[in-house]
Amino acid sequence: MAAPPHTPAVQSIVKIRRDYNSWVARETMEDYALRYTPQRFRRWSEWRVANTAFGAASFLILEAVGATLLVQYGWANAFWAILATGLIIFLAGWPISVYAARYGVDMDLLTRGAGFGYIGSTITSLIYASFTFIFFALEAAVMAYALELALGIPPSWGYLVCALVVIPLVTHGV
């Protein structure tokens, strides 16, 4: 018995407009999280990188935590606790920072390259995002109470004002 003649199926190809180029053109969307940064893109001086690192340590809650440790546990205990914690953070961050600066990779790429894969990279990003939200909340609390002391604004309104001011600063830079 002969097979019926085969007619090829007609495919309908619809051109989809791609928005990728407009996404990567906006700096708030693109952060090199998924690829290696070429050497020619790494133009920051050591001074600028160091200033950025020191600037990250100047958040308001840092002083509040230090003051709380000092009041609750005394100067000597607070001093040694802060020194030990700083040393642990420095020793843990040093090899990561050197490797990231030398080869132009971020924590997502380092996590993937260290054998944790895409799942590990995703979990790392979720941890960083949760830390970011925690720090935003703590900073907003400190600023809201500063607004209460300076201007008499109730804390609930201060939280709202601080949140609405901080979001554009974070997404578009200071």
N, C-alpha and C. Protein backbone atom coordinates (compact mmCIF):
# COMPACT_ATOMS: atom_id res chain seq x y z
N MET A 1 0.83 -1.16 0.00
CA MET A 1 0.00 0.00 0.00
C MET A 1 0.89 1.24 0.00
N ALA A 2 0.58 2.18 -0.81
CA ALA A 2 1.38 3.40 -0.94
C ALA A 2 0.93 4.42 0.08
N ALA A 3 1.90 5.14 0.59
CA ALA A 3 1.61 6.20 1.56
C ALA A 3 1.02 7.40 0.84
N PRO A 4 0.12 8.10 1.51
CA PRO A 4 -0.45 9.28 0.87
C PRO A 4 0.65 10.33 0.64
N PRO A 5 0.49 11.13 -0.38
CA PRO A 5 1.53 12.15 -0.64
C PRO A 5 1.66 13.10 0.55
N HIS A 6 2.90 13.44 0.85
CA HIS A 6 3.19 14.29 2.02
C HIS A 6 3.24 15.75 1.58
N THR A 7 2.45 16.56 2.22
CA THR A 7 2.50 17.99 1.94
C THR A 7 3.13 18.69 3.15
N PRO A 8 4.12 19.50 2.93
CA PRO A 8 4.77 20.16 4.06
C PRO A 8 3.81 21.12 4.76
N ALA A 9 3.94 21.18 6.07
CA ALA A 9 3.10 22.09 6.85
C ALA A 9 3.55 23.53 6.61
N VAL A 10 2.60 24.39 6.55
CA VAL A 10 2.91 25.80 6.35
C VAL A 10 3.11 26.44 7.72
N GLN A 11 4.24 27.09 7.87
CA GLN A 11 4.52 27.76 9.14
C GLN A 11 4.28 29.25 8.99
N SER A 12 3.70 29.78 10.00
CA SER A 12 3.47 31.22 10.04
C SER A 12 4.47 31.83 11.02
N ILE A 13 5.36 32.62 10.53
CA ILE A 13 6.37 33.25 11.38
C ILE A 13 5.97 34.70 11.60
N VAL A 14 5.78 35.03 12.85
CA VAL A 14 5.39 36.38 13.20
C VAL A 14 6.61 37.10 13.76
N LYS A 15 6.92 38.23 13.19
CA LYS A 15 8.07 38.99 13.66
C LYS A 15 7.71 39.64 15.00
N ILE A 16 8.50 39.32 16.00
CA ILE A 16 8.27 39.87 17.33
C ILE A 16 9.25 41.01 17.53
N ARG A 17 8.74 42.13 17.93
CA ARG A 17 9.61 43.27 18.19
C ARG A 17 10.37 43.03 19.47
N ARG A 18 11.65 43.15 19.40
CA ARG A 18 12.50 42.89 20.56
C ARG A 18 12.82 44.20 21.28
N ASP A 19 12.65 44.16 22.58
CA ASP A 19 12.91 45.34 23.40
C ASP A 19 14.26 45.28 24.10
N TYR A 20 15.05 44.26 23.78
CA TYR A 20 16.28 44.05 24.53
C TYR A 20 17.21 45.26 24.45
N ASN A 21 17.38 45.83 23.25
CA ASN A 21 18.31 46.95 23.11
C ASN A 21 17.89 48.15 23.94
N SER A 22 16.60 48.40 24.02
CA SER A 22 16.16 49.52 24.85
C SER A 22 16.33 49.21 26.33
N TRP A 23 16.25 47.94 26.71
CA TRP A 23 16.45 47.57 28.11
C TRP A 23 17.89 47.78 28.52
N VAL A 24 18.83 47.32 27.70
CA VAL A 24 20.24 47.42 28.09
C VAL A 24 20.76 48.84 27.96
N ALA A 25 20.06 49.69 27.23
CA ALA A 25 20.48 51.08 27.13
C ALA A 25 20.21 51.84 28.42
N ARG A 26 19.27 51.38 29.21
CA ARG A 26 18.95 52.03 30.48
C ARG A 26 19.86 51.47 31.56
N GLU A 27 20.57 52.34 32.26
CA GLU A 27 21.52 51.90 33.26
C GLU A 27 20.86 51.23 34.45
N THR A 28 19.60 51.52 34.71
CA THR A 28 18.93 50.89 35.85
C THR A 28 18.62 49.43 35.58
N MET A 29 18.62 49.02 34.32
CA MET A 29 18.32 47.63 33.98
C MET A 29 19.58 46.79 33.82
N GLU A 30 20.68 47.38 33.38
CA GLU A 30 21.87 46.61 33.02
C GLU A 30 22.93 46.75 34.10
N ASP A 31 23.41 45.64 34.60
CA ASP A 31 24.45 45.71 35.63
C ASP A 31 25.52 44.63 35.44
N TYR A 32 25.66 44.11 34.25
CA TYR A 32 26.68 43.09 33.94
C TYR A 32 26.58 41.87 34.84
N ALA A 33 25.41 41.56 35.33
CA ALA A 33 25.28 40.45 36.28
C ALA A 33 25.44 39.09 35.61
N LEU A 34 25.24 39.01 34.33
CA LEU A 34 25.25 37.70 33.69
C LEU A 34 26.45 37.46 32.78
N ARG A 35 27.39 38.38 32.74
CA ARG A 35 28.54 38.17 31.87
C ARG A 35 29.79 38.81 32.43
N TYR A 36 30.89 38.39 31.90
CA TYR A 36 32.21 38.88 32.26
C TYR A 36 32.37 40.32 31.78
N THR A 37 32.97 41.17 32.58
CA THR A 37 33.20 42.55 32.20
C THR A 37 34.57 42.66 31.54
N PRO A 38 34.64 43.09 30.28
CA PRO A 38 35.93 43.18 29.60
C PRO A 38 36.87 44.18 30.28
N GLN A 39 38.17 43.98 30.06
CA GLN A 39 39.18 44.84 30.67
C GLN A 39 38.98 46.30 30.28
N ARG A 40 38.62 46.58 29.04
CA ARG A 40 38.49 47.97 28.59
C ARG A 40 37.33 48.70 29.28
N PHE A 41 36.38 47.96 29.88
CA PHE A 41 35.28 48.60 30.59
C PHE A 41 35.64 48.92 32.04
N ARG A 42 36.70 48.32 32.53
CA ARG A 42 37.11 48.53 33.93
C ARG A 42 38.08 49.70 33.98
N ARG A 43 37.55 50.92 34.09
CA ARG A 43 38.38 52.11 34.00
C ARG A 43 38.50 52.86 35.32
N TRP A 44 37.96 52.36 36.37
CA TRP A 44 38.00 53.09 37.63
C TRP A 44 39.37 52.98 38.27
N SER A 45 39.79 54.07 38.87
CA SER A 45 41.08 54.06 39.57
C SER A 45 40.93 53.35 40.92
N GLU A 46 42.07 53.01 41.49
CA GLU A 46 42.04 52.38 42.81
C GLU A 46 41.43 53.32 43.84
N TRP A 47 41.69 54.62 43.70
CA TRP A 47 41.15 55.61 44.63
C TRP A 47 39.63 55.62 44.58
N ARG A 48 39.06 55.57 43.38
CA ARG A 48 37.60 55.59 43.25
C ARG A 48 36.97 54.33 43.84
N VAL A 49 37.59 53.19 43.61
CA VAL A 49 37.08 51.94 44.16
C VAL A 49 37.14 51.98 45.68
N ALA A 50 38.26 52.45 46.23
CA ALA A 50 38.40 52.55 47.69
C ALA A 50 37.38 53.52 48.27
N ASN A 51 37.17 54.65 47.61
CA ASN A 51 36.17 55.61 48.08
C ASN A 51 34.78 55.01 48.08
N THR A 52 34.47 54.22 47.07
CA THR A 52 33.17 53.55 47.01
C THR A 52 33.02 52.57 48.17
N ALA A 53 34.08 51.82 48.45
CA ALA A 53 34.03 50.86 49.55
C ALA A 53 33.87 51.56 50.89
N PHE A 54 34.60 52.66 51.09
CA PHE A 54 34.48 53.39 52.35
C PHE A 54 33.11 54.06 52.46
N GLY A 55 32.57 54.50 51.35
CA GLY A 55 31.25 55.12 51.36
C GLY A 55 30.16 54.15 51.75
N ALA A 56 30.35 52.88 51.42
CA ALA A 56 29.35 51.87 51.78
C ALA A 56 29.29 51.66 53.28
N ALA A 57 30.36 52.02 53.98
CA ALA A 57 30.39 51.83 55.43
C ALA A 57 29.88 53.05 56.19
N SER A 58 29.28 53.99 55.50
CA SER A 58 28.85 55.21 56.17
C SER A 58 27.33 55.29 56.34
N PHE A 59 26.66 54.18 56.37
CA PHE A 59 25.22 54.22 56.54
C PHE A 59 24.87 54.54 57.99
N LEU A 60 23.71 55.12 58.20
CA LEU A 60 23.32 55.64 59.51
C LEU A 60 23.18 54.56 60.57
N ILE A 61 22.73 53.39 60.19
CA ILE A 61 22.48 52.35 61.19
C ILE A 61 23.79 51.85 61.79
N LEU A 62 24.91 52.06 61.08
CA LEU A 62 26.21 51.65 61.59
C LEU A 62 26.50 52.33 62.92
N GLU A 63 26.26 53.63 62.97
CA GLU A 63 26.48 54.36 64.22
C GLU A 63 25.51 53.92 65.31
N ALA A 64 24.28 53.63 64.92
CA ALA A 64 23.28 53.19 65.90
C ALA A 64 23.65 51.84 66.50
N VAL A 65 24.14 50.92 65.68
CA VAL A 65 24.55 49.61 66.18
C VAL A 65 25.76 49.76 67.09
N GLY A 66 26.73 50.56 66.68
CA GLY A 66 27.91 50.78 67.52
C GLY A 66 27.56 51.41 68.85
N ALA A 67 26.67 52.38 68.83
CA ALA A 67 26.26 53.02 70.08
C ALA A 67 25.50 52.05 70.98
N THR A 68 24.66 51.22 70.39
CA THR A 68 23.93 50.23 71.18
C THR A 68 24.88 49.23 71.82
N LEU A 69 25.86 48.75 71.06
CA LEU A 69 26.86 47.84 71.64
C LEU A 69 27.61 48.51 72.78
N LEU A 70 27.98 49.76 72.59
CA LEU A 70 28.72 50.49 73.61
C LEU A 70 27.91 50.65 74.89
N VAL A 71 26.65 51.03 74.75
CA VAL A 71 25.81 51.25 75.93
C VAL A 71 25.46 49.93 76.62
N GLN A 72 25.16 48.90 75.84
CA GLN A 72 24.72 47.63 76.42
C GLN A 72 25.86 46.81 77.03
N TYR A 73 27.04 46.82 76.39
CA TYR A 73 28.10 45.90 76.80
C TYR A 73 29.38 46.57 77.27
N GLY A 74 29.46 47.88 77.19
CA GLY A 74 30.66 48.58 77.64
C GLY A 74 31.67 48.75 76.53
N TRP A 75 32.62 49.69 76.78
CA TRP A 75 33.57 50.05 75.74
C TRP A 75 34.48 48.88 75.36
N ALA A 76 35.05 48.21 76.32
CA ALA A 76 36.02 47.14 76.03
C ALA A 76 35.37 46.00 75.24
N ASN A 77 34.20 45.55 75.66
CA ASN A 77 33.53 44.46 74.95
C ASN A 77 33.11 44.89 73.54
N ALA A 78 32.59 46.10 73.42
CA ALA A 78 32.18 46.59 72.10
C ALA A 78 33.40 46.72 71.18
N PHE A 79 34.51 47.22 71.71
CA PHE A 79 35.72 47.38 70.91
C PHE A 79 36.20 46.05 70.35
N TRP A 80 36.33 45.04 71.22
CA TRP A 80 36.82 43.74 70.78
C TRP A 80 35.83 43.04 69.85
N ALA A 81 34.53 43.20 70.10
CA ALA A 81 33.53 42.59 69.22
C ALA A 81 33.57 43.22 67.83
N ILE A 82 33.67 44.54 67.78
CA ILE A 82 33.72 45.23 66.49
C ILE A 82 35.02 44.88 65.76
N LEU A 83 36.12 44.84 66.48
CA LEU A 83 37.41 44.49 65.87
C LEU A 83 37.40 43.06 65.32
N ALA A 84 36.88 42.11 66.10
CA ALA A 84 36.83 40.71 65.65
C ALA A 84 35.92 40.56 64.44
N THR A 85 34.77 41.20 64.48
CA THR A 85 33.84 41.12 63.35
C THR A 85 34.44 41.75 62.10
N GLY A 86 35.07 42.90 62.27
CA GLY A 86 35.72 43.55 61.13
C GLY A 86 36.81 42.69 60.53
N LEU A 87 37.58 42.01 61.37
CA LEU A 87 38.65 41.13 60.89
C LEU A 87 38.07 39.94 60.12
N ILE A 88 37.01 39.35 60.64
CA ILE A 88 36.37 38.21 59.96
C ILE A 88 35.83 38.65 58.60
N ILE A 89 35.16 39.79 58.56
CA ILE A 89 34.61 40.28 57.30
C ILE A 89 35.74 40.60 56.31
N PHE A 90 36.81 41.22 56.80
CA PHE A 90 37.95 41.54 55.94
C PHE A 90 38.57 40.28 55.35
N LEU A 91 38.82 39.28 56.20
CA LEU A 91 39.45 38.05 55.72
C LEU A 91 38.55 37.28 54.75
N ALA A 92 37.25 37.32 54.98
CA ALA A 92 36.32 36.65 54.06
C ALA A 92 36.19 37.40 52.74
N GLY A 93 36.23 38.72 52.80
CA GLY A 93 36.02 39.52 51.60
C GLY A 93 37.26 39.75 50.76
N TRP A 94 38.45 39.62 51.36
CA TRP A 94 39.68 39.92 50.62
C TRP A 94 39.86 39.07 49.37
N PRO A 95 39.83 37.74 49.46
CA PRO A 95 40.03 36.96 48.23
C PRO A 95 38.93 37.18 47.20
N ILE A 96 37.72 37.36 47.66
CA ILE A 96 36.61 37.62 46.73
C ILE A 96 36.84 38.94 46.01
N SER A 97 37.23 39.97 46.75
CA SER A 97 37.46 41.29 46.15
C SER A 97 38.61 41.27 45.17
N VAL A 98 39.70 40.61 45.53
CA VAL A 98 40.85 40.55 44.63
C VAL A 98 40.48 39.84 43.34
N TYR A 99 39.82 38.70 43.44
CA TYR A 99 39.45 37.95 42.25
C TYR A 99 38.46 38.74 41.40
N ALA A 100 37.49 39.38 42.04
CA ALA A 100 36.50 40.15 41.30
C ALA A 100 37.14 41.34 40.59
N ALA A 101 38.06 42.03 41.27
CA ALA A 101 38.72 43.18 40.65
C ALA A 101 39.67 42.76 39.54
N ARG A 102 40.37 41.67 39.75
CA ARG A 102 41.37 41.22 38.77
C ARG A 102 40.72 40.74 37.48
N TYR A 103 39.61 40.01 37.59
CA TYR A 103 39.01 39.39 36.41
C TYR A 103 37.68 40.01 36.00
N GLY A 104 37.22 41.02 36.70
CA GLY A 104 36.01 41.72 36.29
C GLY A 104 34.74 40.91 36.40
N VAL A 105 34.63 40.12 37.46
CA VAL A 105 33.42 39.34 37.65
C VAL A 105 32.77 39.76 38.97
N ASP A 106 31.47 39.55 39.05
CA ASP A 106 30.76 39.88 40.28
C ASP A 106 30.44 38.60 41.05
N MET A 107 29.71 38.74 42.14
CA MET A 107 29.42 37.58 42.98
C MET A 107 28.58 36.52 42.27
N ASP A 108 27.69 36.95 41.38
CA ASP A 108 26.89 35.97 40.65
C ASP A 108 27.78 35.08 39.78
N LEU A 109 28.71 35.70 39.06
CA LEU A 109 29.60 34.90 38.22
C LEU A 109 30.57 34.08 39.06
N LEU A 110 31.04 34.64 40.18
CA LEU A 110 31.92 33.87 41.06
C LEU A 110 31.19 32.67 41.64
N THR A 111 29.94 32.86 42.03
CA THR A 111 29.16 31.76 42.59
C THR A 111 28.96 30.66 41.56
N ARG A 112 28.61 31.06 40.34
CA ARG A 112 28.43 30.07 39.28
C ARG A 112 29.74 29.35 38.97
N GLY A 113 30.83 30.12 38.88
CA GLY A 113 32.13 29.53 38.56
C GLY A 113 32.69 28.65 39.65
N ALA A 114 32.26 28.86 40.89
CA ALA A 114 32.75 28.06 42.02
C ALA A 114 32.03 26.72 42.13
N GLY A 115 31.10 26.46 41.23
CA GLY A 115 30.44 25.16 41.22
C GLY A 115 29.03 25.16 41.77
N PHE A 116 28.51 26.31 42.15
CA PHE A 116 27.16 26.35 42.69
C PHE A 116 26.10 26.50 41.60
N GLY A 117 26.51 26.84 40.38
CA GLY A 117 25.60 26.91 39.25
C GLY A 117 24.62 28.07 39.33
N TYR A 118 23.62 27.99 38.45
CA TYR A 118 22.63 29.06 38.38
C TYR A 118 21.76 29.12 39.63
N ILE A 119 21.49 27.98 40.24
CA ILE A 119 20.68 27.97 41.47
C ILE A 119 21.42 28.69 42.58
N GLY A 120 22.70 28.41 42.74
CA GLY A 120 23.50 29.10 43.75
C GLY A 120 23.58 30.59 43.49
N SER A 121 23.70 30.95 42.22
CA SER A 121 23.73 32.37 41.86
C SER A 121 22.40 33.05 42.20
N THR A 122 21.31 32.35 41.96
CA THR A 122 19.99 32.90 42.28
C THR A 122 19.81 33.05 43.78
N ILE A 123 20.23 32.06 44.54
CA ILE A 123 20.13 32.14 46.00
C ILE A 123 20.98 33.28 46.54
N THR A 124 22.20 33.43 46.00
CA THR A 124 23.06 34.54 46.41
C THR A 124 22.38 35.88 46.14
N SER A 125 21.78 36.03 44.96
CA SER A 125 21.09 37.27 44.63
C SER A 125 19.91 37.53 45.57
N LEU A 126 19.19 36.48 45.93
CA LEU A 126 18.07 36.64 46.87
C LEU A 126 18.56 37.07 48.26
N ILE A 127 19.70 36.53 48.68
CA ILE A 127 20.27 36.93 49.97
C ILE A 127 20.64 38.40 49.93
N TYR A 128 21.31 38.84 48.87
CA TYR A 128 21.69 40.25 48.75
C TYR A 128 20.46 41.15 48.70
N ALA A 129 19.44 40.73 47.97
CA ALA A 129 18.23 41.54 47.89
C ALA A 129 17.56 41.66 49.25
N SER A 130 17.53 40.57 50.02
CA SER A 130 16.92 40.65 51.36
C SER A 130 17.73 41.55 52.27
N PHE A 131 19.07 41.49 52.19
CA PHE A 131 19.90 42.41 52.98
C PHE A 131 19.63 43.85 52.58
N THR A 132 19.45 44.09 51.29
CA THR A 132 19.18 45.45 50.82
C THR A 132 17.88 45.97 51.42
N PHE A 133 16.83 45.16 51.41
CA PHE A 133 15.56 45.60 51.97
C PHE A 133 15.66 45.82 53.48
N ILE A 134 16.41 44.96 54.16
CA ILE A 134 16.60 45.14 55.61
C ILE A 134 17.31 46.46 55.88
N PHE A 135 18.38 46.74 55.14
CA PHE A 135 19.11 47.99 55.35
C PHE A 135 18.26 49.20 54.98
N PHE A 136 17.45 49.10 53.92
CA PHE A 136 16.54 50.20 53.59
C PHE A 136 15.59 50.48 54.75
N ALA A 137 15.05 49.43 55.33
CA ALA A 137 14.11 49.60 56.44
C ALA A 137 14.79 50.21 57.65
N LEU A 138 15.99 49.74 57.97
CA LEU A 138 16.72 50.29 59.12
C LEU A 138 17.10 51.75 58.89
N GLU A 139 17.57 52.06 57.68
CA GLU A 139 17.92 53.45 57.37
C GLU A 139 16.68 54.35 57.41
N ALA A 140 15.57 53.86 56.89
CA ALA A 140 14.34 54.65 56.92
C ALA A 140 13.90 54.90 58.35
N ALA A 141 14.07 53.91 59.23
CA ALA A 141 13.70 54.10 60.63
C ALA A 141 14.55 55.18 61.28
N VAL A 142 15.86 55.15 61.04
CA VAL A 142 16.74 56.17 61.62
C VAL A 142 16.38 57.55 61.08
N MET A 143 16.18 57.65 59.76
CA MET A 143 15.85 58.95 59.17
C MET A 143 14.47 59.43 59.61
N ALA A 144 13.52 58.51 59.77
CA ALA A 144 12.18 58.91 60.21
C ALA A 144 12.22 59.49 61.62
N TYR A 145 13.00 58.88 62.50
CA TYR A 145 13.11 59.42 63.86
C TYR A 145 13.89 60.73 63.87
N ALA A 146 14.82 60.90 62.94
CA ALA A 146 15.51 62.19 62.82
C ALA A 146 14.53 63.26 62.36
N LEU A 147 13.63 62.91 61.43
CA LEU A 147 12.60 63.87 61.01
C LEU A 147 11.66 64.21 62.16
N GLU A 148 11.36 63.22 62.99
CA GLU A 148 10.50 63.47 64.15
C GLU A 148 11.18 64.44 65.12
N LEU A 149 12.45 64.23 65.39
CA LEU A 149 13.16 65.11 66.31
C LEU A 149 13.35 66.51 65.74
N ALA A 150 13.65 66.60 64.45
CA ALA A 150 13.95 67.90 63.85
C ALA A 150 12.70 68.68 63.47
N LEU A 151 11.71 68.01 62.90
CA LEU A 151 10.55 68.71 62.34
C LEU A 151 9.23 68.35 63.00
N GLY A 152 9.23 67.40 63.92
CA GLY A 152 7.99 67.01 64.58
C GLY A 152 7.07 66.14 63.73
N ILE A 153 7.60 65.55 62.67
CA ILE A 153 6.80 64.68 61.80
C ILE A 153 6.63 63.33 62.49
N PRO A 154 5.40 62.80 62.57
CA PRO A 154 5.20 61.48 63.20
C PRO A 154 6.00 60.40 62.46
N PRO A 155 6.46 59.37 63.19
CA PRO A 155 7.29 58.33 62.55
C PRO A 155 6.62 57.65 61.37
N SER A 156 5.31 57.41 61.43
CA SER A 156 4.65 56.72 60.31
C SER A 156 4.75 57.55 59.02
N TRP A 157 4.57 58.86 59.13
CA TRP A 157 4.73 59.73 57.96
C TRP A 157 6.20 59.84 57.57
N GLY A 158 7.07 59.82 58.57
CA GLY A 158 8.51 59.87 58.29
C GLY A 158 8.97 58.65 57.50
N TYR A 159 8.43 57.47 57.84
CA TYR A 159 8.77 56.26 57.09
C TYR A 159 8.38 56.41 55.62
N LEU A 160 7.18 56.93 55.40
CA LEU A 160 6.70 57.10 54.03
C LEU A 160 7.57 58.09 53.26
N VAL A 161 7.87 59.23 53.88
CA VAL A 161 8.70 60.25 53.23
C VAL A 161 10.08 59.68 52.91
N CYS A 162 10.67 59.00 53.88
CA CYS A 162 12.02 58.44 53.67
C CYS A 162 12.02 57.39 52.58
N ALA A 163 11.01 56.55 52.54
CA ALA A 163 10.94 55.52 51.51
C ALA A 163 10.79 56.14 50.13
N LEU A 164 9.94 57.16 50.02
CA LEU A 164 9.73 57.79 48.72
C LEU A 164 10.95 58.58 48.25
N VAL A 165 11.77 59.05 49.17
CA VAL A 165 12.99 59.77 48.79
C VAL A 165 14.11 58.80 48.45
N VAL A 166 14.20 57.69 49.17
CA VAL A 166 15.31 56.76 48.98
C VAL A 166 15.18 55.98 47.67
N ILE A 167 13.99 55.61 47.26
CA ILE A 167 13.83 54.77 46.06
C ILE A 167 14.44 55.43 44.82
N PRO A 168 14.14 56.71 44.51
CA PRO A 168 14.80 57.30 43.33
C PRO A 168 16.31 57.43 43.49
N LEU A 169 16.77 57.68 44.71
CA LEU A 169 18.22 57.77 44.92
C LEU A 169 18.90 56.45 44.63
N VAL A 170 18.26 55.36 45.00
CA VAL A 170 18.85 54.04 44.78
C VAL A 170 18.79 53.65 43.31
N THR A 171 17.67 53.89 42.66
CA THR A 171 17.53 53.45 41.27
C THR A 171 18.31 54.32 40.29
N HIS A 172 18.50 55.59 40.61
CA HIS A 172 19.17 56.50 39.68
C HIS A 172 20.50 57.03 40.19
N GLY A 173 20.92 56.63 41.36
CA GLY A 173 22.21 57.06 41.89
C GLY A 173 22.12 58.36 42.67
N VAL A 174 23.14 58.57 43.46
CA VAL A 174 23.18 59.79 44.29
C VAL A 174 24.03 60.82 43.60
